């Protein structure tokens, strides 16, 4: 029964995020909002909305293990699994601006999160600091970044009519996210209690992979279509949203208790992987097939460690 809840929850999360992005983007464009603003806010937030909804409801249910594990696990899956698979399909090139802005901000936010978690609690003030840093970053890129037409075409429907239809699509997507998030959290709690599995483990694995499906589909399709900017930017943007926005907002509602195992291993692994990913991009100005295989091997080690508890 809980597995059916999981499946239904993931389906609702995936299509809810898709409907919300398409509907709200079209509504915004209909009212004359610039495409770059829509792309950098609504679209970016939409792909990370499953993680936000799941972590929010997990925090409301006081299941902090799922709330935090979902984000840490999703960030690891985004880099190791998603980009690992995408770069094996075809090496992914990266532009110079990524080294000057996106990667430094991602490293800073990830480092802040790891340090804030050392005392075992992520409180409202620490969440607010990360959220302010994220808002400053978003304000800067919206004010200074040129419009990238390929990104707009890929993600943002440019129709200006059908306002009622798009508004309905937005509401339907939001409803799907809310119901899907509740189903996923309840299924995670049920499975953890039924099989005696830690809530953190459920959050780090099944929930994290499920909520990373939009990023997986987006990055793989972008690589196939030779849209490298979209593939890399999707993951960097998603991890920034996950850490700075989701774990910025949620602790302001309810302080999150961080599992000792996550502090000792998964958080540091996430920081290490982010640094390694940055080094790979910096050295070759791309993510090669060999580097993709290395990332996948690390993900395999991460999953194996959860199952067999090496560390």
Foldseek 3Di string as FASTA:
>chain_A
DLVVLLVLLLVLLQLLLQLQLALVLLLCVLVPDDLLLSLLPSQLCSLQLLLLLLLQVCVVVVVLLLNVLLLLLLLLCLQQPQVLVQQLVPWFFADPVCLVALLVLLLVLLVLLLVCPLVQKNAQVSLQVLQVSLVVSSVVCSVDPDDDVVSSVVRYDNDNDPNVVSVVSNVSSVVSSNSSSVSNNVSLVVVCVVVVNRSNLCNNPVSNVSSNVSLNVQLNVCSVVVNSCRNVVSSSSSSSCSRNPSSSPNNSVPMRGHDPVCSVPSSVVSSVSSVVSSVCCVPPSIQHNVNSVVSNVVVVVVNVCSVVVPD
